[in-house]
Amino acid sequence: MEVKIGVAESPRELLLTSNLSPDEVEALVADALKNPAGQLTLVDDKGKRFIIPAARVAYVEIGASDTRKVGFSVKN
């Protein structure tokens, strides 16, 4: 599943692919935002750990993975 995180005062967003369900990611974000002095910690599918101060989280977009099709299509 793909997760995009907007960081306040940053022109770029963080993009990661996670093995967590959308509900699990939403719960982690909600828990992190309850304490502005806390942090949001997510681990991607390759084991990289992302730690964002909760006060800097502008938005979180939770969506399905973008599956890439490989190969050629032949139309008759």
C-alpha atoms as a PDB file:
ATOM      1  CA  MET A   1       0.000   0.000   0.000  1.00  0.00           C
ATOM      2  CA  GLU A   2       1.242   3.487  -0.862  1.00  0.00           C
ATOM      3  CA  VAL A   3       1.475   6.231   1.772  1.00  0.00           C
ATOM      4  CA  LYS A   4       2.214   9.895   0.977  1.00  0.00           C
ATOM      5  CA  ILE A   5       3.099  12.226   3.831  1.00  0.00           C
ATOM      6  CA  GLY A   6       3.137  15.981   3.422  1.00  0.00           C
ATOM      7  CA  VAL A   7       5.594  17.742   5.698  1.00  0.00           C
ATOM      8  CA  ALA A   8       4.861  21.338   6.784  1.00  0.00           C
ATOM      9  CA  GLU A   9       7.014  23.984   5.093  1.00  0.00           C
ATOM     10  CA  SER A  10       8.533  21.431   2.731  1.00  0.00           C
ATOM     11  CA  PRO A  11       7.848  21.441  -1.023  1.00  0.00           C
ATOM     12  CA  ARG A  12       8.299  17.679  -1.263  1.00  0.00           C
ATOM     13  CA  GLU A  13       6.280  14.852   0.176  1.00  0.00           C
ATOM     14  CA  LEU A  14       7.478  11.534   1.552  1.00  0.00           C
ATOM     15  CA  LEU A  15       6.338   8.528  -0.438  1.00  0.00           C
ATOM     16  CA  LEU A  16       6.631   5.011   0.897  1.00  0.00           C
ATOM     17  CA  THR A  17       5.160   1.591   0.267  1.00  0.00           C
ATOM     18  CA  SER A  18       4.061  -0.250   3.390  1.00  0.00           C
ATOM     19  CA  ASN A  19       2.911  -3.766   4.170  1.00  0.00           C
ATOM     20  CA  LEU A  20       0.434  -2.375   6.732  1.00  0.00           C
ATOM     21  CA  SER A  21      -3.276  -2.164   6.030  1.00  0.00           C
ATOM     22  CA  PRO A  22      -4.908   1.263   5.528  1.00  0.00           C
ATOM     23  CA  ASP A  23      -6.587   0.926   8.936  1.00  0.00           C
ATOM     24  CA  GLU A  24      -3.238   0.217  10.645  1.00  0.00           C
ATOM     25  CA  VAL A  25      -1.610   3.256   9.021  1.00  0.00           C
ATOM     26  CA  GLU A  26      -4.574   5.438   9.956  1.00  0.00           C
ATOM     27  CA  ALA A  27      -4.343   4.275  13.580  1.00  0.00           C
ATOM     28  CA  LEU A  28      -0.608   5.058  13.720  1.00  0.00           C
ATOM     29  CA  VAL A  29      -1.196   8.534  12.277  1.00  0.00           C
ATOM     30  CA  ALA A  30      -4.090   9.246  14.650  1.00  0.00           C
ATOM     31  CA  ASP A  31      -2.031   8.158  17.672  1.00  0.00           C
ATOM     32  CA  ALA A  32       0.919  10.316  16.582  1.00  0.00           C
ATOM     33  CA  LEU A  33      -1.260  13.392  16.053  1.00  0.00           C
ATOM     34  CA  LYS A  34      -2.779  13.144  19.541  1.00  0.00           C
ATOM     35  CA  ASN A  35       0.538  14.355  20.948  1.00  0.00           C
ATOM     36  CA  PRO A  36       2.009  17.238  18.893  1.00  0.00           C
ATOM     37  CA  ALA A  37       5.349  16.758  20.664  1.00  0.00           C
ATOM     38  CA  GLY A  38       5.396  13.108  19.551  1.00  0.00           C
ATOM     39  CA  GLN A  39       6.422  11.519  16.301  1.00  0.00           C
ATOM     40  CA  LEU A  40       4.960   9.443  13.486  1.00  0.00           C
ATOM     41  CA  THR A  41       7.043   6.349  12.779  1.00  0.00           C
ATOM     42  CA  LEU A  42       6.385   4.160   9.745  1.00  0.00           C
ATOM     43  CA  VAL A  43       8.436   1.326   8.254  1.00  0.00           C
ATOM     44  CA  ASP A  44       8.349   0.691   4.511  1.00  0.00           C
ATOM     45  CA  ASP A  45       8.259  -2.703   2.814  1.00  0.00           C
ATOM     46  CA  LYS A  46      12.082  -2.724   2.541  1.00  0.00           C
ATOM     47  CA  GLY A  47      12.614  -2.090   6.243  1.00  0.00           C
ATOM     48  CA  LYS A  48      13.461   1.643   6.078  1.00  0.00           C
ATOM     49  CA  ARG A  49      12.167   3.560   9.077  1.00  0.00           C
ATOM     50  CA  PHE A  50      10.618   7.009   8.586  1.00  0.00           C
ATOM     51  CA  ILE A  51      10.295   9.237  11.654  1.00  0.00           C
ATOM     52  CA  ILE A  52       8.418  12.525  11.279  1.00  0.00           C
ATOM     53  CA  PRO A  53       7.707  14.951  14.124  1.00  0.00           C
ATOM     54  CA  ALA A  54       3.928  14.916  14.622  1.00  0.00           C
ATOM     55  CA  ALA A  55       3.751  18.718  14.628  1.00  0.00           C
ATOM     56  CA  ARG A  56       5.236  18.768  11.099  1.00  0.00           C
ATOM     57  CA  VAL A  57       2.734  16.357   9.512  1.00  0.00           C
ATOM     58  CA  ALA A  58       0.625  18.426   7.085  1.00  0.00           C
ATOM     59  CA  TYR A  59      -1.346  15.543   5.555  1.00  0.00           C
ATOM     60  CA  VAL A  60      -1.249  11.788   5.010  1.00  0.00           C
ATOM     61  CA  GLU A  61      -2.644  10.155   1.876  1.00  0.00           C
ATOM     62  CA  ILE A  62      -3.305   6.443   2.172  1.00  0.00           C
ATOM     63  CA  GLY A  63      -3.955   4.572  -1.064  1.00  0.00           C
ATOM     64  CA  ALA A  64      -3.583   1.349  -2.946  1.00  0.00           C
ATOM     65  CA  SER A  65      -0.214   0.474  -4.427  1.00  0.00           C
ATOM     66  CA  ASP A  66       0.388   1.587  -7.963  1.00  0.00           C
ATOM     67  CA  THR A  67       0.967  -1.677  -9.749  1.00  0.00           C
ATOM     68  CA  ARG A  68       3.146  -1.330 -12.785  1.00  0.00           C
ATOM     69  CA  LYS A  69       2.374  -3.423 -15.783  1.00  0.00           C
ATOM     70  CA  VAL A  70       5.328  -4.934 -17.558  1.00  0.00           C
ATOM     71  CA  GLY A  71       5.289  -6.164 -21.098  1.00  0.00           C
ATOM     72  CA  PHE A  72       3.644  -5.306 -24.334  1.00  0.00           C
ATOM     73  CA  SER A  73       0.029  -5.229 -25.310  1.00  0.00           C
ATOM     74  CA  VAL A  74      -0.966  -6.504 -28.717  1.00  0.00           C
ATOM     75  CA  LYS A  75      -4.261  -5.366 -30.165  1.00  0.00           C
ATOM     76  CA  ASN A  76      -5.795  -7.341 -33.001  1.00  0.00           C
END
